[in-house]
PDB file of N, CA and C in Angstrom:
ATOM      1  N   MET A   1      49.623  49.979 114.650  1.00  0.00           N
ATOM      2  CA  MET A   1      50.985  49.894 114.190  1.00  0.00           C
ATOM      3  C   MET A   1      51.666  51.265 114.305  1.00  0.00           C
ATOM      4  N   LEU A   2      50.947  52.317 113.900  1.00  0.00           N
ATOM      5  CA  LEU A   2      51.548  53.656 113.963  1.00  0.00           C
ATOM      6  C   LEU A   2      51.855  54.059 115.402  1.00  0.00           C
ATOM      7  N   SER A   3      50.989  53.697 116.317  1.00  0.00           N
ATOM      8  CA  SER A   3      51.229  53.992 117.725  1.00  0.00           C
ATOM      9  C   SER A   3      52.488  53.268 118.212  1.00  0.00           C
ATOM     10  N   TYR A   4      52.636  52.020 117.797  1.00  0.00           N
ATOM     11  CA  TYR A   4      53.798  51.208 118.171  1.00  0.00           C
ATOM     12  C   TYR A   4      55.093  51.851 117.663  1.00  0.00           C
ATOM     13  N   THR A   5      55.106  52.241 116.383  1.00  0.00           N
ATOM     14  CA  THR A   5      56.332  52.819 115.828  1.00  0.00           C
ATOM     15  C   THR A   5      56.637  54.184 116.448  1.00  0.00           C
ATOM     16  N   GLN A   6      55.589  54.938 116.763  1.00  0.00           N
ATOM     17  CA  GLN A   6      55.804  56.251 117.376  1.00  0.00           C
ATOM     18  C   GLN A   6      56.398  56.096 118.782  1.00  0.00           C
ATOM     19  N   LYS A   7      55.859  55.186 119.577  1.00  0.00           N
ATOM     20  CA  LYS A   7      56.358  54.974 120.946  1.00  0.00           C
ATOM     21  C   LYS A   7      57.821  54.552 120.948  1.00  0.00           C
ATOM     22  N   ARG A   8      58.225  53.846 119.915  1.00  0.00           N
ATOM     23  CA  ARG A   8      59.602  53.357 119.841  1.00  0.00           C
ATOM     24  C   ARG A   8      60.495  54.245 118.979  1.00  0.00           C
ATOM     25  N   ASN A   9      59.958  55.394 118.587  1.00  0.00           N
ATOM     26  CA  ASN A   9      60.695  56.368 117.792  1.00  0.00           C
ATOM     27  C   ASN A   9      61.255  55.758 116.498  1.00  0.00           C
ATOM     28  N   ILE A  10      60.428  54.953 115.852  1.00  0.00           N
ATOM     29  CA  ILE A  10      60.799  54.324 114.588  1.00  0.00           C
ATOM     30  C   ILE A  10      60.215  55.160 113.452  1.00  0.00           C
ATOM     31  N   PRO A  11      61.045  55.724 112.598  1.00  0.00           N
ATOM     32  CA  PRO A  11      60.516  56.492 111.468  1.00  0.00           C
ATOM     33  C   PRO A  11      59.630  55.608 110.595  1.00  0.00           C
ATOM     34  N   THR A  12      58.480  56.145 110.198  1.00  0.00           N
ATOM     35  CA  THR A  12      57.505  55.357 109.452  1.00  0.00           C
ATOM     36  C   THR A  12      57.064  56.092 108.198  1.00  0.00           C
ATOM     37  N   ILE A  13      57.085  55.377 107.087  1.00  0.00           N
ATOM     38  CA  ILE A  13      56.585  55.899 105.822  1.00  0.00           C
ATOM     39  C   ILE A  13      55.301  55.143 105.500  1.00  0.00           C
ATOM     40  N   ILE A  14      54.240  55.892 105.236  1.00  0.00           N
ATOM     41  CA  ILE A  14      52.968  55.280 104.880  1.00  0.00           C
ATOM     42  C   ILE A  14      52.838  55.278 103.361  1.00  0.00           C
ATOM     43  N   ALA A  15      52.687  54.087 102.792  1.00  0.00           N
ATOM     44  CA  ALA A  15      52.412  53.937 101.363  1.00  0.00           C
ATOM     45  C   ALA A  15      50.997  53.389 101.254  1.00  0.00           C
ATOM     46  N   LEU A  16      50.120  54.139 100.632  1.00  0.00           N
ATOM     47  CA  LEU A  16      48.717  53.768 100.582  1.00  0.00           C
ATOM     48  C   LEU A  16      48.463  52.582  99.656  1.00  0.00           C
ATOM     49  N   PRO A  17      47.575  51.669 100.064  1.00  0.00           N
ATOM     50  CA  PRO A  17      47.311  50.463  99.277  1.00  0.00           C
ATOM     51  C   PRO A  17      46.332  50.673  98.128  1.00  0.00           C
ATOM     52  N   ILE A  18      46.025  51.910  97.831  1.00  0.00           N
ATOM     53  CA  ILE A  18      45.084  52.223  96.761  1.00  0.00           C
ATOM     54  C   ILE A  18      45.876  52.709  95.556  1.00  0.00           C
ATOM     55  N   ARG A  19      45.577  52.124  94.413  1.00  0.00           N
ATOM     56  CA  ARG A  19      46.365  52.427  93.215  1.00  0.00           C
ATOM     57  C   ARG A  19      46.092  53.809  92.654  1.00  0.00           C
ATOM     58  N   LYS A  20      44.832  54.162  92.513  1.00  0.00           N
ATOM     59  CA  LYS A  20      44.480  55.465  91.947  1.00  0.00           C
ATOM     60  C   LYS A  20      43.673  56.241  92.973  1.00  0.00           C
ATOM     61  N   LEU A  21      44.216  57.372  93.389  1.00  0.00           N
ATOM     62  CA  LEU A  21      43.590  58.190  94.427  1.00  0.00           C
ATOM     63  C   LEU A  21      42.994  59.452  93.827  1.00  0.00           C
ATOM     64  N   LYS A  22      41.824  59.815  94.305  1.00  0.00           N
ATOM     65  CA  LYS A  22      41.218  61.078  93.897  1.00  0.00           C
ATOM     66  C   LYS A  22      41.719  62.151  94.853  1.00  0.00           C
ATOM     67  N   SER A  23      42.042  63.315  94.309  1.00  0.00           N
ATOM     68  CA  SER A  23      42.648  64.368  95.133  1.00  0.00           C
ATOM     69  C   SER A  23      41.734  64.851  96.260  1.00  0.00           C
ATOM     70  N   ASN A  24      40.432  64.691  96.119  1.00  0.00           N
ATOM     71  CA  ASN A  24      39.507  65.144  97.160  1.00  0.00           C
ATOM     72  C   ASN A  24      39.000  63.985  98.021  1.00  0.00           C
ATOM     73  N   SER A  25      39.680  62.865  98.000  1.00  0.00           N
ATOM     74  CA  SER A  25      39.269  61.668  98.721  1.00  0.00           C
ATOM     75  C   SER A  25      39.336  61.872 100.235  1.00  0.00           C
ATOM     76  N   SER A  26      38.308  61.405 100.942  1.00  0.00           N
ATOM     77  CA  SER A  26      38.330  61.470 102.403  1.00  0.00           C
ATOM     78  C   SER A  26      39.436  60.564 102.946  1.00  0.00           C
ATOM     79  N   PHE A  27      39.774  59.524 102.182  1.00  0.00           N
ATOM     80  CA  PHE A  27      40.863  58.626 102.570  1.00  0.00           C
ATOM     81  C   PHE A  27      42.181  59.406 102.663  1.00  0.00           C
ATOM     82  N   LEU A  28      42.414  60.311 101.726  1.00  0.00           N
ATOM     83  CA  LEU A  28      43.631  61.127 101.758  1.00  0.00           C
ATOM     84  C   LEU A  28      43.663  62.033 102.979  1.00  0.00           C
ATOM     85  N   GLN A  29      42.523  62.594 103.345  1.00  0.00           N
ATOM     86  CA  GLN A  29      42.466  63.458 104.533  1.00  0.00           C
ATOM     87  C   GLN A  29      42.744  62.655 105.791  1.00  0.00           C
ATOM     88  N   LYS A  30      42.181  61.461 105.876  1.00  0.00           N
ATOM     89  CA  LYS A  30      42.433  60.599 107.035  1.00  0.00           C
ATOM     90  C   LYS A  30      43.913  60.237 107.115  1.00  0.00           C
ATOM     91  N   THR A  31      44.508  59.963 105.971  1.00  0.00           N
ATOM     92  CA  THR A  31      45.933  59.627 105.935  1.00  0.00           C
ATOM     93  C   THR A  31      46.774  60.816 106.375  1.00  0.00           C
ATOM     94  N   ALA A  32      46.417  61.999 105.906  1.00  0.00           N
ATOM     95  CA  ALA A  32      47.143  63.218 106.310  1.00  0.00           C
ATOM     96  C   ALA A  32      47.041  63.416 107.819  1.00  0.00           C
ATOM     97  N   ASP A  33      45.867  63.174 108.370  1.00  0.00           N
ATOM     98  CA  ASP A  33      45.675  63.300 109.818  1.00  0.00           C
ATOM     99  C   ASP A  33      46.532  62.286 110.581  1.00  0.00           C
ATOM    100  N   LEU A  34      46.591  61.062 110.079  1.00  0.00           N
ATOM    101  CA  LEU A  34      47.387  60.027 110.743  1.00  0.00           C
ATOM    102  C   LEU A  34      48.882  60.324 110.671  1.00  0.00           C
ATOM    103  N   THR A  35      49.349  60.779 109.523  1.00  0.00           N
ATOM    104  CA  THR A  35      50.782  61.078 109.401  1.00  0.00           C
ATOM    105  C   THR A  35      51.177  62.210 110.346  1.00  0.00           C
ATOM    106  N   LYS A  36      50.292  63.175 110.490  1.00  0.00           N
ATOM    107  CA  LYS A  36      50.579  64.278 111.410  1.00  0.00           C
ATOM    108  C   LYS A  36      50.551  63.789 112.863  1.00  0.00           C
ATOM    109  N   LYS A  37      49.518  63.042 113.213  1.00  0.00           N
ATOM    110  CA  LYS A  37      49.352  62.548 114.581  1.00  0.00           C
ATOM    111  C   LYS A  37      50.526  61.677 115.021  1.00  0.00           C
ATOM    112  N   TYR A  38      51.003  60.829 114.123  1.00  0.00           N
ATOM    113  CA  TYR A  38      52.040  59.867 114.487  1.00  0.00           C
ATOM    114  C   TYR A  38      53.432  60.235 113.975  1.00  0.00           C
ATOM    115  N   ASN A  39      53.567  61.467 113.476  1.00  0.00           N
ATOM    116  CA  ASN A  39      54.862  61.950 113.008  1.00  0.00           C
ATOM    117  C   ASN A  39      55.468  61.005 111.954  1.00  0.00           C
ATOM    118  N   ALA A  40      54.615  60.585 111.031  1.00  0.00           N
ATOM    119  CA  ALA A  40      55.032  59.672 109.963  1.00  0.00           C
ATOM    120  C   ALA A  40      55.225  60.464 108.675  1.00  0.00           C
ATOM    121  N   TYR A  41      55.633  59.772 107.640  1.00  0.00           N
ATOM    122  CA  TYR A  41      55.831  60.366 106.323  1.00  0.00           C
ATOM    123  C   TYR A  41      54.823  59.742 105.360  1.00  0.00           C
ATOM    124  N   ASP A  42      54.258  60.556 104.500  1.00  0.00           N
ATOM    125  CA  ASP A  42      53.249  60.089 103.555  1.00  0.00           C
ATOM    126  C   ASP A  42      53.864  59.953 102.169  1.00  0.00           C
ATOM    127  N   TYR A  43      53.966  58.720 101.678  1.00  0.00           N
ATOM    128  CA  TYR A  43      54.479  58.467 100.329  1.00  0.00           C
ATOM    129  C   TYR A  43      53.391  58.662  99.285  1.00  0.00           C
ATOM    130  N   GLY A  44      52.162  58.409  99.644  1.00  0.00           N
ATOM    131  CA  GLY A  44      51.056  58.431  98.693  1.00  0.00           C
ATOM    132  C   GLY A  44      50.758  57.021  98.229  1.00  0.00           C
ATOM    133  N   SER A  45      50.194  56.887  97.063  1.00  0.00           N
ATOM    134  CA  SER A  45      49.855  55.576  96.527  1.00  0.00           C
ATOM    135  C   SER A  45      51.111  54.774  96.217  1.00  0.00           C
ATOM    136  N   TYR A  46      51.062  53.498  96.533  1.00  0.00           N
ATOM    137  CA  TYR A  46      52.198  52.634  96.207  1.00  0.00           C
ATOM    138  C   TYR A  46      52.456  52.592  94.699  1.00  0.00           C
ATOM    139  N   ALA A  47      51.452  52.939  93.908  1.00  0.00           N
ATOM    140  CA  ALA A  47      51.563  52.862  92.447  1.00  0.00           C
ATOM    141  C   ALA A  47      52.009  54.185  91.814  1.00  0.00           C
ATOM    142  N   LYS A  48      52.303  55.160  92.643  1.00  0.00           N
ATOM    143  CA  LYS A  48      52.692  56.476  92.136  1.00  0.00           C
ATOM    144  C   LYS A  48      53.901  56.378  91.202  1.00  0.00           C
ATOM    145  N   ASN A  49      53.779  56.995  90.046  1.00  0.00           N
ATOM    146  CA  ASN A  49      54.852  57.075  89.048  1.00  0.00           C
ATOM    147  C   ASN A  49      55.281  55.719  88.472  1.00  0.00           C
ATOM    148  N   ILE A  50      54.400  54.741  88.516  1.00  0.00           N
ATOM    149  CA  ILE A  50      54.670  53.455  87.871  1.00  0.00           C
ATOM    150  C   ILE A  50      53.686  53.327  86.721  1.00  0.00           C
ATOM    151  N   SER A  51      54.202  53.389  85.511  1.00  0.00           N
ATOM    152  CA  SER A  51      53.331  53.404  84.335  1.00  0.00           C
ATOM    153  C   SER A  51      52.528  52.109  84.221  1.00  0.00           C
ATOM    154  N   ASP A  52      51.367  52.251  83.618  1.00  0.00           N
ATOM    155  CA  ASP A  52      50.420  51.148  83.500  1.00  0.00           C
ATOM    156  C   ASP A  52      50.755  50.283  82.282  1.00  0.00           C
ATOM    157  N   THR A  53      51.853  49.531  82.389  1.00  0.00           N
ATOM    158  CA  THR A  53      52.291  48.668  81.290  1.00  0.00           C
ATOM    159  C   THR A  53      52.420  47.233  81.781  1.00  0.00           C
ATOM    160  N   SER A  54      52.461  46.306  80.839  1.00  0.00           N
ATOM    161  CA  SER A  54      52.594  44.891  81.199  1.00  0.00           C
ATOM    162  C   SER A  54      53.970  44.582  81.798  1.00  0.00           C
ATOM    163  N   GLU A  55      54.944  45.453  81.583  1.00  0.00           N
ATOM    164  CA  GLU A  55      56.257  45.254  82.209  1.00  0.00           C
ATOM    165  C   GLU A  55      56.194  45.538  83.709  1.00  0.00           C
ATOM    166  N   ASN A  56      55.237  46.381  84.120  1.00  0.00           N
ATOM    167  CA  ASN A  56      55.156  46.789  85.519  1.00  0.00           C
ATOM    168  C   ASN A  56      54.018  46.133  86.295  1.00  0.00           C
ATOM    169  N   TRP A  57      52.997  45.640  85.595  1.00  0.00           N
ATOM    170  CA  TRP A  57      51.800  45.098  86.236  1.00  0.00           C
ATOM    171  C   TRP A  57      51.406  43.771  85.615  1.00  0.00           C
ATOM    172  N   VAL A  58      50.877  42.875  86.435  1.00  0.00           N
ATOM    173  CA  VAL A  58      50.348  41.607  85.943  1.00  0.00           C
ATOM    174  C   VAL A  58      48.982  41.394  86.602  1.00  0.00           C
ATOM    175  N   TYR A  59      48.051  40.857  85.830  1.00  0.00           N
ATOM    176  CA  TYR A  59      46.717  40.577  86.353  1.00  0.00           C
ATOM    177  C   TYR A  59      46.720  39.272  87.142  1.00  0.00           C
ATOM    178  N   ARG A  60      45.849  39.194  88.141  1.00  0.00           N
ATOM    179  CA  ARG A  60      45.707  37.984  88.949  1.00  0.00           C
ATOM    180  C   ARG A  60      45.392  36.780  88.066  1.00  0.00           C
ATOM    181  N   ASP A  61      44.553  36.980  87.038  1.00  0.00           N
ATOM    182  CA  ASP A  61      44.218  35.879  86.132  1.00  0.00           C
ATOM    183  C   ASP A  61      45.474  35.310  85.484  1.00  0.00           C
ATOM    184  N   THR A  62      46.408  36.162  85.133  1.00  0.00           N
ATOM    185  CA  THR A  62      47.663  35.716  84.522  1.00  0.00           C
ATOM    186  C   THR A  62      48.474  34.888  85.512  1.00  0.00           C
ATOM    187  N   ILE A  63      48.502  35.321  86.754  1.00  0.00           N
ATOM    188  CA  ILE A  63      49.235  34.572  87.786  1.00  0.00           C
ATOM    189  C   ILE A  63      48.633  33.183  87.946  1.00  0.00           C
ATOM    190  N   LEU A  64      47.299  33.115  87.956  1.00  0.00           N
ATOM    191  CA  LEU A  64      46.644  31.811  88.074  1.00  0.00           C
ATOM    192  C   LEU A  64      47.016  30.896  86.917  1.00  0.00           C
ATOM    193  N   MET A  65      47.058  31.452  85.723  1.00  0.00           N
ATOM    194  CA  MET A  65      47.376  30.644  84.548  1.00  0.00           C
ATOM    195  C   MET A  65      48.810  30.133  84.606  1.00  0.00           C
ATOM    196  N   ILE A  66      49.695  30.893  85.198  1.00  0.00           N
ATOM    197  CA  ILE A  66      51.076  30.455  85.333  1.00  0.00           C
ATOM    198  C   ILE A  66      51.173  29.346  86.372  1.00  0.00           C
ATOM    199  N   ARG A  67      50.431  29.474  87.461  1.00  0.00           N
ATOM    200  CA  ARG A  67      50.511  28.514  88.561  1.00  0.00           C
ATOM    201  C   ARG A  67      49.755  27.217  88.292  1.00  0.00           C
ATOM    202  N   GLN A  68      48.730  27.269  87.513  1.00  0.00           N
ATOM    203  CA  GLN A  68      47.893  26.099  87.270  1.00  0.00           C
ATOM    204  C   GLN A  68      47.913  25.741  85.798  1.00  0.00           C
ATOM    205  N   ASN A  69      47.364  24.582  85.485  1.00  0.00           N
ATOM    206  CA  ASN A  69      47.257  24.282  84.065  1.00  0.00           C
ATOM    207  C   ASN A  69      46.161  25.142  83.462  1.00  0.00           C
ATOM    208  N   LEU A  70      46.175  25.313  82.172  1.00  0.00           N
ATOM    209  CA  LEU A  70      45.280  26.237  81.489  1.00  0.00           C
ATOM    210  C   LEU A  70      43.815  25.919  81.736  1.00  0.00           C
ATOM    211  N   GLU A  71      43.447  24.656  81.744  1.00  0.00           N
ATOM    212  CA  GLU A  71      42.049  24.274  81.945  1.00  0.00           C
ATOM    213  C   GLU A  71      41.554  24.702  83.329  1.00  0.00           C
ATOM    214  N   THR A  72      42.319  24.428  84.374  1.00  0.00           N
ATOM    215  CA  THR A  72      41.916  24.796  85.731  1.00  0.00           C
ATOM    216  C   THR A  72      41.853  26.308  85.878  1.00  0.00           C
ATOM    217  N   ALA A  73      42.813  27.009  85.337  1.00  0.00           N
ATOM    218  CA  ALA A  73      42.809  28.472  85.431  1.00  0.00           C
ATOM    219  C   ALA A  73      41.583  29.054  84.732  1.00  0.00           C
ATOM    220  N   GLY A  74      41.218  28.465  83.589  1.00  0.00           N
ATOM    221  CA  GLY A  74      40.027  28.926  82.884  1.00  0.00           C
ATOM    222  C   GLY A  74      38.777  28.761  83.716  1.00  0.00           C
ATOM    223  N   ASN A  75      38.646  27.629  84.405  1.00  0.00           N
ATOM    224  CA  ASN A  75      37.491  27.413  85.279  1.00  0.00           C
ATOM    225  C   ASN A  75      37.472  28.399  86.439  1.00  0.00           C
ATOM    226  N   ASN A  76      38.621  28.640  87.047  1.00  0.00           N
ATOM    227  CA  ASN A  76      38.678  29.581  88.157  1.00  0.00           C
ATOM    228  C   ASN A  76      38.350  30.996  87.704  1.00  0.00           C
ATOM    229  N   ALA A  77      38.745  31.335  86.489  1.00  0.00           N
ATOM    230  CA  ALA A  77      38.456  32.676  85.981  1.00  0.00           C
ATOM    231  C   ALA A  77      36.951  32.885  85.849  1.00  0.00           C
ATOM    232  N   ILE A  78      36.222  31.787  85.632  1.00  0.00           N
ATOM    233  CA  ILE A  78      34.768  31.897  85.476  1.00  0.00           C
ATOM    234  C   ILE A  78      34.065  31.786  86.823  1.00  0.00           C
ATOM    235  N   THR A  79      34.452  30.799  87.634  1.00  0.00           N
ATOM    236  CA  THR A  79      33.715  30.516  88.862  1.00  0.00           C
ATOM    237  C   THR A  79      34.441  30.960  90.123  1.00  0.00           C
ATOM    238  N   GLY A  80      35.696  31.371  89.988  1.00  0.00           N
ATOM    239  CA  GLY A  80      36.473  31.732  91.166  1.00  0.00           C
ATOM    240  C   GLY A  80      35.851  32.877  91.942  1.00  0.00           C
ATOM    241  N   ASN A  81      36.100  32.901  93.236  1.00  0.00           N
ATOM    242  CA  ASN A  81      35.475  33.932  94.029  1.00  0.00           C
ATOM    243  C   ASN A  81      36.550  34.933  94.482  1.00  0.00           C
ATOM    244  N   TYR A  82      37.243  35.505  93.533  1.00  0.00           N
ATOM    245  CA  TYR A  82      38.239  36.536  93.778  1.00  0.00           C
ATOM    246  C   TYR A  82      37.921  37.740  92.900  1.00  0.00           C
ATOM    247  N   GLN A  83      38.524  38.850  93.224  1.00  0.00           N
ATOM    248  CA  GLN A  83      38.263  40.091  92.499  1.00  0.00           C
ATOM    249  C   GLN A  83      38.927  40.028  91.125  1.00  0.00           C
ATOM    250  N   LYS A  84      38.124  40.137  90.082  1.00  0.00           N
ATOM    251  CA  LYS A  84      38.680  40.099  88.729  1.00  0.00           C
ATOM    252  C   LYS A  84      39.422  41.391  88.426  1.00  0.00           C
ATOM    253  N   ASN A  85      40.360  41.306  87.516  1.00  0.00           N
ATOM    254  CA  ASN A  85      41.150  42.447  87.049  1.00  0.00           C
ATOM    255  C   ASN A  85      42.037  43.055  88.127  1.00  0.00           C
ATOM    256  N   LYS A  86      42.261  42.353  89.209  1.00  0.00           N
ATOM    257  CA  LYS A  86      43.166  42.850  90.239  1.00  0.00           C
ATOM    258  C   LYS A  86      44.587  42.735  89.703  1.00  0.00           C
ATOM    259  N   GLN A  87      45.346  43.793  89.838  1.00  0.00           N
ATOM    260  CA  GLN A  87      46.708  43.796  89.318  1.00  0.00           C
ATOM    261  C   GLN A  87      47.733  43.812  90.443  1.00  0.00           C
ATOM    262  N   PHE A  88      48.878  43.233  90.163  1.00  0.00           N
ATOM    263  CA  PHE A  88      50.003  43.195  91.083  1.00  0.00           C
ATOM    264  C   PHE A  88      51.239  43.709  90.357  1.00  0.00           C
ATOM    265  N   LEU A  89      52.170  44.244  91.118  1.00  0.00           N
ATOM    266  CA  LEU A  89      53.422  44.695  90.536  1.00  0.00           C
ATOM    267  C   LEU A  89      54.266  43.501  90.103  1.00  0.00           C
ATOM    268  N   THR A  90      54.913  43.634  88.966  1.00  0.00           N
ATOM    269  CA  THR A  90      55.896  42.650  88.523  1.00  0.00           C
ATOM    270  C   THR A  90      57.224  42.974  89.212  1.00  0.00           C
ATOM    271  N   ALA A  91      58.240  42.179  88.935  1.00  0.00           N
ATOM    272  CA  ALA A  91      59.570  42.466  89.481  1.00  0.00           C
ATOM    273  C   ALA A  91      60.030  43.846  89.027  1.00  0.00           C
ATOM    274  N   GLN A  92      59.807  44.174  87.757  1.00  0.00           N
ATOM    275  CA  GLN A  92      60.172  45.492  87.228  1.00  0.00           C
ATOM    276  C   GLN A  92      59.399  46.593  87.963  1.00  0.00           C
ATOM    277  N   GLY A  93      58.101  46.363  88.208  1.00  0.00           N
ATOM    278  CA  GLY A  93      57.289  47.336  88.926  1.00  0.00           C
ATOM    279  C   GLY A  93      57.791  47.543  90.349  1.00  0.00           C
ATOM    280  N   CYS A  94      58.177  46.466  91.002  1.00  0.00           N
ATOM    281  CA  CYS A  94      58.721  46.559  92.365  1.00  0.00           C
ATOM    282  C   CYS A  94      60.035  47.339  92.371  1.00  0.00           C
ATOM    283  N   TYR A  95      60.851  47.113  91.346  1.00  0.00           N
ATOM    284  CA  TYR A  95      62.114  47.849  91.221  1.00  0.00           C
ATOM    285  C   TYR A  95      61.829  49.348  91.096  1.00  0.00           C
ATOM    286  N   LEU A  96      60.862  49.708  90.257  1.00  0.00           N
ATOM    287  CA  LEU A  96      60.502  51.122  90.087  1.00  0.00           C
ATOM    288  C   LEU A  96      59.961  51.706  91.378  1.00  0.00           C
ATOM    289  N   TRP A  97      59.146  50.932  92.099  1.00  0.00           N
ATOM    290  CA  TRP A  97      58.599  51.405  93.372  1.00  0.00           C
ATOM    291  C   TRP A  97      59.741  51.732  94.337  1.00  0.00           C
ATOM    292  N   ALA A  98      60.704  50.834  94.436  1.00  0.00           N
ATOM    293  CA  ALA A  98      61.839  51.069  95.331  1.00  0.00           C
ATOM    294  C   ALA A  98      62.650  52.284  94.881  1.00  0.00           C
ATOM    295  N   GLU A  99      62.864  52.396  93.582  1.00  0.00           N
ATOM    296  CA  GLU A  99      63.613  53.533  93.041  1.00  0.00           C
ATOM    297  C   GLU A  99      62.864  54.850  93.304  1.00  0.00           C
ATOM    298  N   ASN A 100      61.546  54.832  93.134  1.00  0.00           N
ATOM    299  CA  ASN A 100      60.737  56.031  93.372  1.00  0.00           C
ATOM    300  C   ASN A 100      60.693  56.415  94.842  1.00  0.00           C
ATOM    301  N   MET A 101      60.750  55.425  95.718  1.00  0.00           N
ATOM    302  CA  MET A 101      60.658  55.694  97.150  1.00  0.00           C
ATOM    303  C   MET A 101      61.992  56.143  97.749  1.00  0.00           C
ATOM    304  N   LEU A 102      63.086  55.864  97.074  1.00  0.00           N
ATOM    305  CA  LEU A 102      64.414  56.164  97.610  1.00  0.00           C
ATOM    306  C   LEU A 102      64.591  57.621  98.049  1.00  0.00           C
ATOM    307  N   PRO A 103      64.169  58.621  97.285  1.00  0.00           N
ATOM    308  CA  PRO A 103      64.359  60.000  97.757  1.00  0.00           C
ATOM    309  C   PRO A 103      63.673  60.272  99.106  1.00  0.00           C
ATOM    310  N   LEU A 104      62.489  59.714  99.321  1.00  0.00           N
ATOM    311  CA  LEU A 104      61.820  59.907 100.610  1.00  0.00           C
ATOM    312  C   LEU A 104      62.567  59.176 101.714  1.00  0.00           C
ATOM    313  N   ILE A 105      63.069  58.003 101.432  1.00  0.00           N
ATOM    314  CA  ILE A 105      63.851  57.263 102.429  1.00  0.00           C
ATOM    315  C   ILE A 105      65.101  58.051 102.810  1.00  0.00           C
ATOM    316  N   LEU A 106      65.783  58.615 101.819  1.00  0.00           N
ATOM    317  CA  LEU A 106      66.979  59.417 102.103  1.00  0.00           C
ATOM    318  C   LEU A 106      66.629  60.665 102.906  1.00  0.00           C
ATOM    319  N   GLN A 107      65.470  61.255 102.610  1.00  0.00           N
ATOM    320  CA  GLN A 107      65.004  62.417 103.372  1.00  0.00           C
ATOM    321  C   GLN A 107      64.762  62.036 104.832  1.00  0.00           C
ATOM    322  N   VAL A 108      64.119  60.907 105.065  1.00  0.00           N
ATOM    323  CA  VAL A 108      63.848  60.442 106.430  1.00  0.00           C
ATOM    324  C   VAL A 108      65.176  60.175 107.167  1.00  0.00           C
ATOM    325  N   ILE A 109      66.111  59.545 106.509  1.00  0.00           N
ATOM    326  CA  ILE A 109      67.409  59.264 107.112  1.00  0.00           C
ATOM    327  C   ILE A 109      68.095  60.562 107.527  1.00  0.00           C
ATOM    328  N   LYS A 110      68.046  61.555 106.651  1.00  0.00           N
ATOM    329  CA  LYS A 110      68.683  62.836 106.937  1.00  0.00           C
ATOM    330  C   LYS A 110      67.970  63.568 108.078  1.00  0.00           C
ATOM    331  N   GLU A 111      66.625  63.677 107.985  1.00  0.00           N
ATOM    332  CA  GLU A 111      65.866  64.401 109.006  1.00  0.00           C
ATOM    333  C   GLU A 111      65.945  63.744 110.381  1.00  0.00           C
ATOM    334  N   ARG A 112      66.002  62.435 110.420  1.00  0.00           N
ATOM    335  CA  ARG A 112      66.037  61.712 111.695  1.00  0.00           C
ATOM    336  C   ARG A 112      67.450  61.398 112.152  1.00  0.00           C
ATOM    337  N   ASN A 113      68.426  61.863 111.371  1.00  0.00           N
ATOM    338  CA  ASN A 113      69.836  61.669 111.706  1.00  0.00           C
ATOM    339  C   ASN A 113      70.151  60.198 111.964  1.00  0.00           C
ATOM    340  N   ILE A 114      69.741  59.360 111.024  1.00  0.00           N
ATOM    341  CA  ILE A 114      69.960  57.910 111.142  1.00  0.00           C
ATOM    342  C   ILE A 114      71.309  57.574 110.544  1.00  0.00           C
ATOM    343  N   GLN A 115      72.078  56.813 111.264  1.00  0.00           N
ATOM    344  CA  GLN A 115      73.415  56.412 110.807  1.00  0.00           C
ATOM    345  C   GLN A 115      73.363  55.067 110.132  1.00  0.00           C
TER     346      GLN A 115
END
């Protein structure tokens, strides 16, 4: 994907799919290498600056309970073959993510002289 965007001169921001990053992570070094190689921008973790509250995050188990009746969701929580405690951004969390990313987007627009 990065090669594709670079060939077409499409500015690219990389937001990492890992919620909590360790500063000495080899993943961070690989990301830094890729952003340099493909002239991309590194946002960091998609969860950066989004507080760990129920207004911003919802557990997968909660989503299942909303989508299914309580009895079925309870069975899936026990026997389901998905990663437990996986969290997703709520609408409020997505709003914060967009708000947090805006300064980098404006920087890219300015640096790339996008109209």
